[in-house]
């Protein structure tokens, strides 16, 4: 996370020093970091759905109704929709650094806390954890667009946004492709811990 923030700061200064002209390879490092940020966000948001069968099989979801499971799976989206538009406005006014840092921290901490919440308070506590993750990650998508639009010339913006968008697909692939394998090897709690540490 610190490397991500330092690079954003460095790119901002380089852009200012260049008078708005090209800042060279640094902007492509930004595109790759945007890809990584989207990867972590997407991976974290869908991991619960991937691991829920393991949680159920383990007996940790005993007594959870199908309705409760569905509500828990909707919690992230319920929070996300509340802050996405406002987050875009905030990124336009204040910059993208803070919203992105908060989003990455939120999904990482939330993923680490998920097993604790499930054990301590069942689906109700887990719902609040994922709702909070959604609220805090809502600004990340528009924030990514904000800094890419400022640091890339018009003829490179589509390529830069493609890098960022690819992160979402890679995050889904990581969660759905690797999540079950990791859970099978180290248990669903260990899977949450390992994926949470990736942020």
C-alpha atoms as a PDB file:
ATOM      1  CA  UNK A   1       0.000   0.000   0.000  1.00  0.00           C
ATOM      2  CA  UNK A   2       2.832   2.418   0.833  1.00  0.00           C
ATOM      3  CA  UNK A   3       4.551   1.766  -2.491  1.00  0.00           C
ATOM      4  CA  UNK A   4       1.242   2.443  -4.209  1.00  0.00           C
ATOM      5  CA  UNK A   5       0.837   5.793  -2.398  1.00  0.00           C
ATOM      6  CA  UNK A   6       4.451   6.843  -2.981  1.00  0.00           C
ATOM      7  CA  UNK A   7       4.136   6.115  -6.677  1.00  0.00           C
ATOM      8  CA  UNK A   8       0.958   8.187  -6.924  1.00  0.00           C
ATOM      9  CA  UNK A   9       2.751  11.066  -5.181  1.00  0.00           C
ATOM     10  CA  UNK A  10       5.761  10.688  -7.440  1.00  0.00           C
ATOM     11  CA  UNK A  11       3.640  10.655 -10.561  1.00  0.00           C
ATOM     12  CA  UNK A  12       1.828  13.775  -9.437  1.00  0.00           C
ATOM     13  CA  UNK A  13       5.129  15.623  -8.946  1.00  0.00           C
ATOM     14  CA  UNK A  14       6.540  14.348 -12.233  1.00  0.00           C
ATOM     15  CA  UNK A  15       3.450  15.516 -14.071  1.00  0.00           C
ATOM     16  CA  UNK A  16       3.731  18.934 -12.458  1.00  0.00           C
ATOM     17  CA  UNK A  17       7.434  19.202 -13.296  1.00  0.00           C
ATOM     18  CA  UNK A  18       6.724  18.316 -16.885  1.00  0.00           C
ATOM     19  CA  UNK A  19       3.997  20.924 -17.204  1.00  0.00           C
ATOM     20  CA  UNK A  20       1.379  18.321 -18.001  1.00  0.00           C
ATOM     21  CA  UNK A  21       3.412  16.589 -20.669  1.00  0.00           C
ATOM     22  CA  UNK A  22       4.183  12.901 -20.799  1.00  0.00           C
ATOM     23  CA  UNK A  23       5.720  11.508 -17.614  1.00  0.00           C
ATOM     24  CA  UNK A  24       7.155   8.495 -19.341  1.00  0.00           C
ATOM     25  CA  UNK A  25       7.262   4.995 -17.854  1.00  0.00           C
ATOM     26  CA  UNK A  26       5.884   6.130 -14.481  1.00  0.00           C
ATOM     27  CA  UNK A  27       2.383   6.424 -15.887  1.00  0.00           C
ATOM     28  CA  UNK A  28       2.484   2.825 -17.101  1.00  0.00           C
ATOM     29  CA  UNK A  29       3.526   1.724 -13.642  1.00  0.00           C
ATOM     30  CA  UNK A  30       0.412   3.555 -12.484  1.00  0.00           C
ATOM     31  CA  UNK A  31      -1.698   1.582 -14.949  1.00  0.00           C
ATOM     32  CA  UNK A  32      -0.247  -1.682 -13.660  1.00  0.00           C
ATOM     33  CA  UNK A  33      -0.862  -0.615 -10.057  1.00  0.00           C
ATOM     34  CA  UNK A  34      -4.441   0.256 -10.980  1.00  0.00           C
ATOM     35  CA  UNK A  35      -4.718  -3.268 -12.342  1.00  0.00           C
ATOM     36  CA  UNK A  36      -3.437  -4.616  -9.026  1.00  0.00           C
ATOM     37  CA  UNK A  37      -5.846  -2.467  -7.031  1.00  0.00           C
ATOM     38  CA  UNK A  38      -8.817  -3.705  -9.055  1.00  0.00           C
ATOM     39  CA  UNK A  39      -7.552  -7.267  -8.736  1.00  0.00           C
ATOM     40  CA  UNK A  40      -7.461  -7.055  -4.925  1.00  0.00           C
ATOM     41  CA  UNK A  41     -10.850  -5.357  -4.756  1.00  0.00           C
ATOM     42  CA  UNK A  42     -12.625  -7.827  -7.018  1.00  0.00           C
ATOM     43  CA  UNK A  43     -10.954 -10.835  -5.441  1.00  0.00           C
ATOM     44  CA  UNK A  44     -11.967  -9.724  -1.957  1.00  0.00           C
ATOM     45  CA  UNK A  45     -15.563  -8.912  -2.794  1.00  0.00           C
ATOM     46  CA  UNK A  46     -16.409 -12.290  -4.342  1.00  0.00           C
ATOM     47  CA  UNK A  47     -14.304 -14.555  -2.131  1.00  0.00           C
ATOM     48  CA  UNK A  48     -17.126 -15.053   0.374  1.00  0.00           C
ATOM     49  CA  UNK A  49     -19.393 -16.544  -2.272  1.00  0.00           C
ATOM     50  CA  UNK A  50     -16.610 -18.881  -3.374  1.00  0.00           C
ATOM     51  CA  UNK A  51     -15.872 -20.050   0.165  1.00  0.00           C
ATOM     52  CA  UNK A  52     -19.451 -20.273   1.431  1.00  0.00           C
ATOM     53  CA  UNK A  53     -19.783 -23.960   0.439  1.00  0.00           C
ATOM     54  CA  UNK A  54     -16.648 -24.698   2.495  1.00  0.00           C
ATOM     55  CA  UNK A  55     -18.040 -22.726   5.445  1.00  0.00           C
ATOM     56  CA  UNK A  56     -21.297 -24.678   5.208  1.00  0.00           C
ATOM     57  CA  UNK A  57     -19.569 -28.047   4.856  1.00  0.00           C
ATOM     58  CA  UNK A  58     -17.424 -27.283   7.897  1.00  0.00           C
ATOM     59  CA  UNK A  59     -20.531 -26.676   9.983  1.00  0.00           C
ATOM     60  CA  UNK A  60     -19.614 -23.053  10.673  1.00  0.00           C
ATOM     61  CA  UNK A  61     -22.781 -21.933   8.894  1.00  0.00           C
ATOM     62  CA  UNK A  62     -25.028 -24.333  10.797  1.00  0.00           C
ATOM     63  CA  UNK A  63     -28.364 -22.689  11.394  1.00  0.00           C
ATOM     64  CA  UNK A  64     -27.895 -20.125   8.639  1.00  0.00           C
ATOM     65  CA  UNK A  65     -30.973 -20.078   6.429  1.00  0.00           C
ATOM     66  CA  UNK A  66     -30.672 -19.797   2.665  1.00  0.00           C
ATOM     67  CA  UNK A  67     -32.180 -16.313   2.980  1.00  0.00           C
ATOM     68  CA  UNK A  68     -29.494 -15.324   5.496  1.00  0.00           C
ATOM     69  CA  UNK A  69     -26.773 -16.582   3.155  1.00  0.00           C
ATOM     70  CA  UNK A  70     -28.252 -14.590   0.293  1.00  0.00           C
ATOM     71  CA  UNK A  71     -28.421 -11.456   2.419  1.00  0.00           C
ATOM     72  CA  UNK A  72     -24.785 -11.827   3.443  1.00  0.00           C
ATOM     73  CA  UNK A  73     -23.785 -12.204  -0.199  1.00  0.00           C
ATOM     74  CA  UNK A  74     -25.651  -8.991  -1.068  1.00  0.00           C
ATOM     75  CA  UNK A  75     -24.087  -6.918   1.726  1.00  0.00           C
ATOM     76  CA  UNK A  76     -21.049  -5.755  -0.247  1.00  0.00           C
ATOM     77  CA  UNK A  77     -23.172  -4.457  -3.116  1.00  0.00           C
ATOM     78  CA  UNK A  78     -25.534  -2.701  -0.698  1.00  0.00           C
ATOM     79  CA  UNK A  79     -22.639  -0.716   0.721  1.00  0.00           C
ATOM     80  CA  UNK A  80     -20.856  -0.216  -2.583  1.00  0.00           C
ATOM     81  CA  UNK A  81     -23.774   1.477  -4.312  1.00  0.00           C
ATOM     82  CA  UNK A  82     -24.039   4.066  -1.534  1.00  0.00           C
ATOM     83  CA  UNK A  83     -20.606   5.572  -2.134  1.00  0.00           C
ATOM     84  CA  UNK A  84     -19.680   4.963  -5.754  1.00  0.00           C
ATOM     85  CA  UNK A  85     -21.102   8.190  -7.189  1.00  0.00           C
ATOM     86  CA  UNK A  86     -20.108  10.290  -4.178  1.00  0.00           C
ATOM     87  CA  UNK A  87     -16.668   8.693  -4.315  1.00  0.00           C
ATOM     88  CA  UNK A  88     -16.227   9.809  -7.906  1.00  0.00           C
ATOM     89  CA  UNK A  89     -17.090  13.389  -6.946  1.00  0.00           C
ATOM     90  CA  UNK A  90     -14.646  13.189  -4.041  1.00  0.00           C
ATOM     91  CA  UNK A  91     -11.866  11.927  -6.307  1.00  0.00           C
ATOM     92  CA  UNK A  92     -12.499  14.797  -8.738  1.00  0.00           C
ATOM     93  CA  UNK A  93     -12.216  17.356  -5.943  1.00  0.00           C
ATOM     94  CA  UNK A  94      -9.649  15.884  -3.572  1.00  0.00           C
ATOM     95  CA  UNK A  95      -7.678  13.418  -5.671  1.00  0.00           C
ATOM     96  CA  UNK A  96      -7.584   9.640  -5.878  1.00  0.00           C
ATOM     97  CA  UNK A  97      -4.878   8.778  -3.351  1.00  0.00           C
ATOM     98  CA  UNK A  98      -6.936   8.718  -0.150  1.00  0.00           C
ATOM     99  CA  UNK A  99     -10.025   6.907  -1.539  1.00  0.00           C
ATOM    100  CA  UNK A 100      -7.854   4.199  -3.092  1.00  0.00           C
ATOM    101  CA  UNK A 101      -5.784   3.715   0.057  1.00  0.00           C
ATOM    102  CA  UNK A 102      -8.922   3.455   2.187  1.00  0.00           C
ATOM    103  CA  UNK A 103     -10.526   1.005  -0.254  1.00  0.00           C
ATOM    104  CA  UNK A 104      -7.518  -1.322  -0.341  1.00  0.00           C
ATOM    105  CA  UNK A 105      -7.175  -1.247   3.426  1.00  0.00           C
ATOM    106  CA  UNK A 106     -10.904  -1.912   3.886  1.00  0.00           C
ATOM    107  CA  UNK A 107     -11.107  -4.975   1.668  1.00  0.00           C
ATOM    108  CA  UNK A 108      -7.928  -6.422   3.136  1.00  0.00           C
ATOM    109  CA  UNK A 109      -8.967  -5.929   6.763  1.00  0.00           C
ATOM    110  CA  UNK A 110     -12.526  -7.036   6.019  1.00  0.00           C
ATOM    111  CA  UNK A 111     -11.337 -10.249   4.399  1.00  0.00           C
ATOM    112  CA  UNK A 112      -9.124 -10.962   7.408  1.00  0.00           C
ATOM    113  CA  UNK A 113     -12.032 -10.263   9.790  1.00  0.00           C
ATOM    114  CA  UNK A 114     -14.607 -12.371   7.937  1.00  0.00           C
ATOM    115  CA  UNK A 115     -13.934 -15.665   9.800  1.00  0.00           C
ATOM    116  CA  UNK A 116     -13.903 -13.844  13.143  1.00  0.00           C
ATOM    117  CA  UNK A 117     -17.212 -12.149  12.393  1.00  0.00           C
ATOM    118  CA  UNK A 118     -18.802 -15.387  11.210  1.00  0.00           C
ATOM    119  CA  UNK A 119     -17.736 -17.194  14.381  1.00  0.00           C
ATOM    120  CA  UNK A 120     -18.654 -14.395  16.786  1.00  0.00           C
ATOM    121  CA  UNK A 121     -21.918 -13.137  15.362  1.00  0.00           C
ATOM    122  CA  UNK A 122     -22.999 -15.398  12.537  1.00  0.00           C
ATOM    123  CA  UNK A 123     -24.508 -13.972   9.367  1.00  0.00           C
ATOM    124  CA  UNK A 124     -25.525 -10.695  11.025  1.00  0.00           C
ATOM    125  CA  UNK A 125     -21.960  -9.720  11.930  1.00  0.00           C
ATOM    126  CA  UNK A 126     -20.632 -10.990   8.624  1.00  0.00           C
ATOM    127  CA  UNK A 127     -23.232  -8.854   6.837  1.00  0.00           C
ATOM    128  CA  UNK A 128     -21.942  -5.726   8.582  1.00  0.00           C
ATOM    129  CA  UNK A 129     -18.336  -6.542   7.760  1.00  0.00           C
ATOM    130  CA  UNK A 130     -19.094  -6.912   4.047  1.00  0.00           C
ATOM    131  CA  UNK A 131     -21.409  -3.894   4.058  1.00  0.00           C
ATOM    132  CA  UNK A 132     -18.592  -1.768   5.511  1.00  0.00           C
ATOM    133  CA  UNK A 133     -16.180  -3.173   2.922  1.00  0.00           C
ATOM    134  CA  UNK A 134     -18.594  -2.134   0.182  1.00  0.00           C
ATOM    135  CA  UNK A 135     -19.078   1.373   1.581  1.00  0.00           C
ATOM    136  CA  UNK A 136     -15.334   1.952   1.797  1.00  0.00           C
ATOM    137  CA  UNK A 137     -14.512   0.392  -1.572  1.00  0.00           C
ATOM    138  CA  UNK A 138     -17.251   2.227  -3.478  1.00  0.00           C
ATOM    139  CA  UNK A 139     -15.000   5.173  -4.380  1.00  0.00           C
ATOM    140  CA  UNK A 140     -12.196   2.968  -5.720  1.00  0.00           C
ATOM    141  CA  UNK A 141     -13.549   2.421  -9.229  1.00  0.00           C
ATOM    142  CA  UNK A 142     -14.198   6.102 -10.044  1.00  0.00           C
ATOM    143  CA  UNK A 143     -10.971   7.097  -8.274  1.00  0.00           C
ATOM    144  CA  UNK A 144      -8.999   4.822 -10.572  1.00  0.00           C
ATOM    145  CA  UNK A 145     -10.628   6.464 -13.561  1.00  0.00           C
ATOM    146  CA  UNK A 146      -9.881   9.915 -12.163  1.00  0.00           C
ATOM    147  CA  UNK A 147      -6.141   9.480 -11.860  1.00  0.00           C
ATOM    148  CA  UNK A 148      -5.782   7.587 -15.125  1.00  0.00           C
ATOM    149  CA  UNK A 149      -7.679  10.322 -16.971  1.00  0.00           C
ATOM    150  CA  UNK A 150      -5.355  12.998 -15.578  1.00  0.00           C
ATOM    151  CA  UNK A 151      -2.056  11.235 -16.198  1.00  0.00           C
ATOM    152  CA  UNK A 152      -2.598   9.737 -19.639  1.00  0.00           C
ATOM    153  CA  UNK A 153      -2.957  11.595 -22.920  1.00  0.00           C
ATOM    154  CA  UNK A 154      -6.133  11.018 -24.899  1.00  0.00           C
ATOM    155  CA  UNK A 155      -4.496   8.591 -27.316  1.00  0.00           C
ATOM    156  CA  UNK A 156      -3.448   6.275 -24.436  1.00  0.00           C
ATOM    157  CA  UNK A 157      -6.470   6.461 -22.130  1.00  0.00           C
ATOM    158  CA  UNK A 158      -8.235   3.410 -23.545  1.00  0.00           C
ATOM    159  CA  UNK A 159      -5.120   1.270 -23.127  1.00  0.00           C
ATOM    160  CA  UNK A 160      -4.589   2.541 -19.588  1.00  0.00           C
ATOM    161  CA  UNK A 161      -8.198   1.820 -18.640  1.00  0.00           C
ATOM    162  CA  UNK A 162      -7.858  -1.623 -20.184  1.00  0.00           C
ATOM    163  CA  UNK A 163      -5.013  -2.352 -17.776  1.00  0.00           C
ATOM    164  CA  UNK A 164      -7.190  -1.328 -14.852  1.00  0.00           C
ATOM    165  CA  UNK A 165     -10.224  -3.246 -16.102  1.00  0.00           C
ATOM    166  CA  UNK A 166      -8.145  -6.381 -16.589  1.00  0.00           C
ATOM    167  CA  UNK A 167      -7.496  -6.366 -12.858  1.00  0.00           C
ATOM    168  CA  UNK A 168     -11.167  -7.020 -12.158  1.00  0.00           C
ATOM    169  CA  UNK A 169     -11.179 -10.076 -14.393  1.00  0.00           C
ATOM    170  CA  UNK A 170      -7.931 -11.319 -12.867  1.00  0.00           C
ATOM    171  CA  UNK A 171      -9.360 -10.837  -9.379  1.00  0.00           C
ATOM    172  CA  UNK A 172     -12.399 -12.909 -10.238  1.00  0.00           C
ATOM    173  CA  UNK A 173     -10.182 -15.582 -11.736  1.00  0.00           C
ATOM    174  CA  UNK A 174      -7.973 -15.613  -8.639  1.00  0.00           C
ATOM    175  CA  UNK A 175     -10.899 -15.904  -6.232  1.00  0.00           C
ATOM    176  CA  UNK A 176     -12.894 -18.478  -8.188  1.00  0.00           C
ATOM    177  CA  UNK A 177      -9.962 -20.413  -9.566  1.00  0.00           C
ATOM    178  CA  UNK A 178      -7.611 -20.421  -6.598  1.00  0.00           C
ATOM    179  CA  UNK A 179     -10.028 -19.899  -3.689  1.00  0.00           C
ATOM    180  CA  UNK A 180     -11.368 -23.467  -3.623  1.00  0.00           C
ATOM    181  CA  UNK A 181      -7.879 -24.927  -4.014  1.00  0.00           C
ATOM    182  CA  UNK A 182      -6.525 -22.855  -1.140  1.00  0.00           C
ATOM    183  CA  UNK A 183      -9.534 -23.644   1.059  1.00  0.00           C
ATOM    184  CA  UNK A 184      -9.168 -27.329   0.334  1.00  0.00           C
ATOM    185  CA  UNK A 185      -5.494 -27.184   1.305  1.00  0.00           C
ATOM    186  CA  UNK A 186      -5.539 -24.923   4.377  1.00  0.00           C
ATOM    187  CA  UNK A 187      -9.220 -24.588   5.254  1.00  0.00           C
ATOM    188  CA  UNK A 188     -11.615 -21.735   4.585  1.00  0.00           C
ATOM    189  CA  UNK A 189     -10.292 -19.664   7.484  1.00  0.00           C
ATOM    190  CA  UNK A 190      -6.760 -19.970   6.133  1.00  0.00           C
ATOM    191  CA  UNK A 191      -8.008 -18.991   2.688  1.00  0.00           C
ATOM    192  CA  UNK A 192      -9.537 -15.785   4.053  1.00  0.00           C
ATOM    193  CA  UNK A 193      -6.264 -15.037   5.833  1.00  0.00           C
ATOM    194  CA  UNK A 194      -4.094 -15.619   2.771  1.00  0.00           C
ATOM    195  CA  UNK A 195      -6.314 -13.648   0.403  1.00  0.00           C
ATOM    196  CA  UNK A 196      -6.698 -10.839   2.937  1.00  0.00           C
ATOM    197  CA  UNK A 197      -2.928 -10.576   3.243  1.00  0.00           C
ATOM    198  CA  UNK A 198      -2.649  -9.989  -0.506  1.00  0.00           C
ATOM    199  CA  UNK A 199      -3.933  -6.428  -0.068  1.00  0.00           C
END
